Amino acid sequence: MKQFGTRNSLVVYRIGDKLSDQLKMPKDKSVRNMISNVICVLTKPEFEVLMLINEGVADRYFRAEKTGSKPSSFYKALHPEYHKGYDQVKEYFGKLSDSELVMLLRKYDMMRKKTHPKEALSFYDLLTDEAKKK
């Protein structure tokens, strides 16, 4: 279990798709003063990147990305029936085991070292050591 603070301090996990998004701090000074640390977690990769990794075509996408291709457009070109949305994403990842999901996050985490700022965490970084062993 990870400890996120004590009774007198809080650690805030700011989750977003870019670091430039501003964190809205509480107006109550007593709460604001309790915040001891703000940890940034980037929501990258997009779901489609994980799907491309899972299907073994991520390298093709990363080459195309240099020309401005977006993950959803690239994935849709491979799967014309795909429509970005909650139900399709839930169905896709719902078919994978926990160990397959951890493996996808691990693979992306190894790739992300080039694209993510060092001060930002990824979803893989949030997994417990026990979960990472799956």
C-alpha atoms as a PDB file:
ATOM      1  CA  MET A   1       0.000   0.000   0.000  1.00  0.00           C
ATOM      2  CA  LYS A   2       1.300   3.448  -0.877  1.00  0.00           C
ATOM      3  CA  GLN A   3       0.921   6.237   1.638  1.00  0.00           C
ATOM      4  CA  PHE A   4      -0.279   9.487   0.148  1.00  0.00           C
ATOM      5  CA  GLY A   5       0.261  11.742   3.134  1.00  0.00           C
ATOM      6  CA  THR A   6      -0.454  11.991   6.815  1.00  0.00           C
ATOM      7  CA  ARG A   7      -3.293  13.578   8.726  1.00  0.00           C
ATOM      8  CA  ASN A   8      -1.502  16.922   8.481  1.00  0.00           C
ATOM      9  CA  SER A   9      -0.213  16.706   4.924  1.00  0.00           C
ATOM     10  CA  LEU A  10      -1.590  15.802   1.549  1.00  0.00           C
ATOM     11  CA  VAL A  11       0.045  14.590  -1.633  1.00  0.00           C
ATOM     12  CA  VAL A  12      -1.934  15.637  -4.702  1.00  0.00           C
ATOM     13  CA  TYR A  13      -1.747  13.539  -7.859  1.00  0.00           C
ATOM     14  CA  ARG A  14      -2.464  15.814 -10.812  1.00  0.00           C
ATOM     15  CA  ILE A  15      -3.590  13.629 -13.690  1.00  0.00           C
ATOM     16  CA  GLY A  16      -3.787  15.173 -17.149  1.00  0.00           C
ATOM     17  CA  ASP A  17      -2.743  14.795 -20.760  1.00  0.00           C
ATOM     18  CA  LYS A  18      -0.245  17.667 -20.679  1.00  0.00           C
ATOM     19  CA  LEU A  19       1.875  19.307 -18.037  1.00  0.00           C
ATOM     20  CA  SER A  20       0.802  22.798 -19.057  1.00  0.00           C
ATOM     21  CA  ASP A  21      -2.704  22.287 -17.621  1.00  0.00           C
ATOM     22  CA  GLN A  22      -3.061  24.324 -14.451  1.00  0.00           C
ATOM     23  CA  LEU A  23      -4.007  22.636 -11.206  1.00  0.00           C
ATOM     24  CA  LYS A  24      -6.874  24.415  -9.481  1.00  0.00           C
ATOM     25  CA  MET A  25      -5.919  24.693  -5.844  1.00  0.00           C
ATOM     26  CA  PRO A  26      -8.563  24.719  -3.109  1.00  0.00           C
ATOM     27  CA  LYS A  27      -9.623  28.169  -1.941  1.00  0.00           C
ATOM     28  CA  ASP A  28      -9.537  27.058   1.675  1.00  0.00           C
ATOM     29  CA  LYS A  29      -6.072  28.049   2.965  1.00  0.00           C
ATOM     30  CA  SER A  30      -6.105  25.340   5.636  1.00  0.00           C
ATOM     31  CA  VAL A  31      -6.403  22.683   2.908  1.00  0.00           C
ATOM     32  CA  ARG A  32      -3.921  24.441   0.614  1.00  0.00           C
ATOM     33  CA  ASN A  33      -1.373  24.605   3.429  1.00  0.00           C
ATOM     34  CA  MET A  34      -1.696  20.843   3.978  1.00  0.00           C
ATOM     35  CA  ILE A  35      -0.511  20.062   0.427  1.00  0.00           C
ATOM     36  CA  SER A  36       3.051  18.859   0.795  1.00  0.00           C
ATOM     37  CA  ASN A  37       3.655  17.697  -2.762  1.00  0.00           C
ATOM     38  CA  VAL A  38       2.019  17.747  -6.195  1.00  0.00           C
ATOM     39  CA  ILE A  39       2.895  14.786  -8.401  1.00  0.00           C
ATOM     40  CA  CYS A  40       2.145  15.024 -12.116  1.00  0.00           C
ATOM     41  CA  VAL A  41       0.864  11.948 -13.934  1.00  0.00           C
ATOM     42  CA  LEU A  42       0.494  12.099 -17.717  1.00  0.00           C
ATOM     43  CA  THR A  43      -2.404  10.158 -19.183  1.00  0.00           C
ATOM     44  CA  LYS A  44      -0.385   9.315 -22.242  1.00  0.00           C
ATOM     45  CA  PRO A  45      -0.462   6.994 -24.048  1.00  0.00           C
ATOM     46  CA  GLU A  46      -3.718   7.325 -25.837  1.00  0.00           C
ATOM     47  CA  PHE A  47      -5.710   4.101 -25.784  1.00  0.00           C
ATOM     48  CA  GLU A  48      -5.013   3.616 -29.476  1.00  0.00           C
ATOM     49  CA  VAL A  49      -1.254   3.547 -28.829  1.00  0.00           C
ATOM     50  CA  LEU A  50      -1.756   0.696 -26.360  1.00  0.00           C
ATOM     51  CA  MET A  51      -3.916  -1.085 -28.949  1.00  0.00           C
ATOM     52  CA  LEU A  52      -1.183  -0.661 -31.572  1.00  0.00           C
ATOM     53  CA  ILE A  53       1.424  -2.033 -29.156  1.00  0.00           C
ATOM     54  CA  ASN A  54      -0.869  -4.965 -28.379  1.00  0.00           C
ATOM     55  CA  GLU A  55      -1.305  -5.709 -32.085  1.00  0.00           C
ATOM     56  CA  GLY A  56       2.422  -5.470 -32.804  1.00  0.00           C
ATOM     57  CA  VAL A  57       2.234  -2.470 -35.134  1.00  0.00           C
ATOM     58  CA  ALA A  58       3.416   0.310 -32.823  1.00  0.00           C
ATOM     59  CA  ASP A  59       6.711   0.688 -34.694  1.00  0.00           C
ATOM     60  CA  ARG A  60       4.800   1.485 -37.882  1.00  0.00           C
ATOM     61  CA  TYR A  61       2.789   4.115 -36.026  1.00  0.00           C
ATOM     62  CA  PHE A  62       5.845   5.725 -34.411  1.00  0.00           C
ATOM     63  CA  ARG A  63       7.410   6.121 -37.869  1.00  0.00           C
ATOM     64  CA  ALA A  64       4.158   7.654 -39.188  1.00  0.00           C
ATOM     65  CA  GLU A  65       3.867   9.874 -36.108  1.00  0.00           C
ATOM     66  CA  LYS A  66       6.839  11.869 -37.372  1.00  0.00           C
ATOM     67  CA  THR A  67       4.634  12.988 -40.271  1.00  0.00           C
ATOM     68  CA  GLY A  68       1.888  14.165 -37.910  1.00  0.00           C
ATOM     69  CA  SER A  69      -0.276  11.043 -37.810  1.00  0.00           C
ATOM     70  CA  LYS A  70      -2.491  10.817 -34.723  1.00  0.00           C
ATOM     71  CA  PRO A  71      -2.895   7.457 -32.967  1.00  0.00           C
ATOM     72  CA  SER A  72      -6.672   7.363 -33.445  1.00  0.00           C
ATOM     73  CA  SER A  73      -6.400   8.111 -37.186  1.00  0.00           C
ATOM     74  CA  PHE A  74      -3.660   5.521 -37.647  1.00  0.00           C
ATOM     75  CA  TYR A  75      -5.642   2.876 -35.740  1.00  0.00           C
ATOM     76  CA  LYS A  76      -8.824   3.677 -37.672  1.00  0.00           C
ATOM     77  CA  ALA A  77      -6.947   3.216 -40.964  1.00  0.00           C
ATOM     78  CA  LEU A  78      -6.129  -0.328 -39.820  1.00  0.00           C
ATOM     79  CA  HIS A  79      -9.598  -0.929 -38.361  1.00  0.00           C
ATOM     80  CA  PRO A  80     -12.199   1.086 -40.316  1.00  0.00           C
ATOM     81  CA  GLU A  81     -14.957  -0.161 -37.985  1.00  0.00           C
ATOM     82  CA  TYR A  82     -13.267   1.529 -35.020  1.00  0.00           C
ATOM     83  CA  HIS A  83     -14.942   4.610 -33.571  1.00  0.00           C
ATOM     84  CA  LYS A  84     -13.237   6.343 -30.685  1.00  0.00           C
ATOM     85  CA  GLY A  85     -15.475   5.971 -27.679  1.00  0.00           C
ATOM     86  CA  TYR A  86     -15.897   4.522 -24.235  1.00  0.00           C
ATOM     87  CA  ASP A  87     -17.770   1.340 -25.238  1.00  0.00           C
ATOM     88  CA  GLN A  88     -15.256   0.182 -27.854  1.00  0.00           C
ATOM     89  CA  VAL A  89     -12.276   0.952 -25.647  1.00  0.00           C
ATOM     90  CA  LYS A  90     -13.871  -0.842 -22.673  1.00  0.00           C
ATOM     91  CA  GLU A  91     -14.680  -3.867 -24.834  1.00  0.00           C
ATOM     92  CA  TYR A  92     -11.157  -4.010 -26.303  1.00  0.00           C
ATOM     93  CA  PHE A  93      -9.302  -3.819 -23.002  1.00  0.00           C
ATOM     94  CA  GLY A  94     -11.911  -5.899 -21.188  1.00  0.00           C
ATOM     95  CA  LYS A  95     -10.773  -8.909 -23.228  1.00  0.00           C
ATOM     96  CA  LEU A  96      -7.195  -8.611 -21.930  1.00  0.00           C
ATOM     97  CA  SER A  97      -5.922 -10.171 -18.733  1.00  0.00           C
ATOM     98  CA  ASP A  98      -4.364  -8.110 -15.951  1.00  0.00           C
ATOM     99  CA  SER A  99      -0.922  -9.390 -16.930  1.00  0.00           C
ATOM    100  CA  GLU A 100      -1.489  -8.372 -20.569  1.00  0.00           C
ATOM    101  CA  LEU A 101      -2.519  -4.867 -19.479  1.00  0.00           C
ATOM    102  CA  VAL A 102       0.543  -4.553 -17.226  1.00  0.00           C
ATOM    103  CA  MET A 103       2.742  -5.752 -20.109  1.00  0.00           C
ATOM    104  CA  LEU A 104       1.284  -3.067 -22.419  1.00  0.00           C
ATOM    105  CA  LEU A 105       1.896  -0.344 -19.840  1.00  0.00           C
ATOM    106  CA  ARG A 106       5.440  -1.650 -19.290  1.00  0.00           C
ATOM    107  CA  LYS A 107       6.194  -1.651 -23.027  1.00  0.00           C
ATOM    108  CA  TYR A 108       4.867   1.873 -23.432  1.00  0.00           C
ATOM    109  CA  ASP A 109       6.776   3.005 -20.355  1.00  0.00           C
ATOM    110  CA  MET A 110      10.010   1.784 -21.936  1.00  0.00           C
ATOM    111  CA  MET A 111       9.138   3.699 -25.139  1.00  0.00           C
ATOM    112  CA  ARG A 112       7.991   6.856 -23.333  1.00  0.00           C
ATOM    113  CA  LYS A 113      11.390   7.694 -21.892  1.00  0.00           C
ATOM    114  CA  LYS A 114      11.993   9.715 -25.053  1.00  0.00           C
ATOM    115  CA  THR A 115       8.704  11.613 -25.006  1.00  0.00           C
ATOM    116  CA  HIS A 116       7.663  12.157 -21.386  1.00  0.00           C
ATOM    117  CA  PRO A 117       9.230  14.770 -19.141  1.00  0.00           C
ATOM    118  CA  LYS A 118      11.278  13.177 -16.375  1.00  0.00           C
ATOM    119  CA  GLU A 119       9.241  14.903 -13.671  1.00  0.00           C
ATOM    120  CA  ALA A 120       5.983  13.289 -14.848  1.00  0.00           C
ATOM    121  CA  LEU A 121       4.842   9.818 -13.895  1.00  0.00           C
ATOM    122  CA  SER A 122       2.994   7.374 -16.125  1.00  0.00           C
ATOM    123  CA  PHE A 123       0.238   4.914 -15.279  1.00  0.00           C
ATOM    124  CA  TYR A 124       2.903   2.197 -15.080  1.00  0.00           C
ATOM    125  CA  ASP A 125       4.716   4.196 -12.406  1.00  0.00           C
ATOM    126  CA  LEU A 126       1.543   4.138 -10.288  1.00  0.00           C
ATOM    127  CA  LEU A 127       1.360   0.338 -10.224  1.00  0.00           C
ATOM    128  CA  THR A 128       2.494  -1.399  -7.064  1.00  0.00           C
ATOM    129  CA  ASP A 129       5.633  -3.532  -7.260  1.00  0.00           C
ATOM    130  CA  GLU A 130       3.407  -6.591  -6.860  1.00  0.00           C
ATOM    131  CA  ALA A 131       1.278  -5.603  -9.862  1.00  0.00           C
ATOM    132  CA  LYS A 132       4.397  -4.980 -11.971  1.00  0.00           C
ATOM    133  CA  LYS A 133       5.420  -8.622 -11.473  1.00  0.00           C
ATOM    134  CA  LYS A 134       2.340  -9.919 -13.299  1.00  0.00           C
END
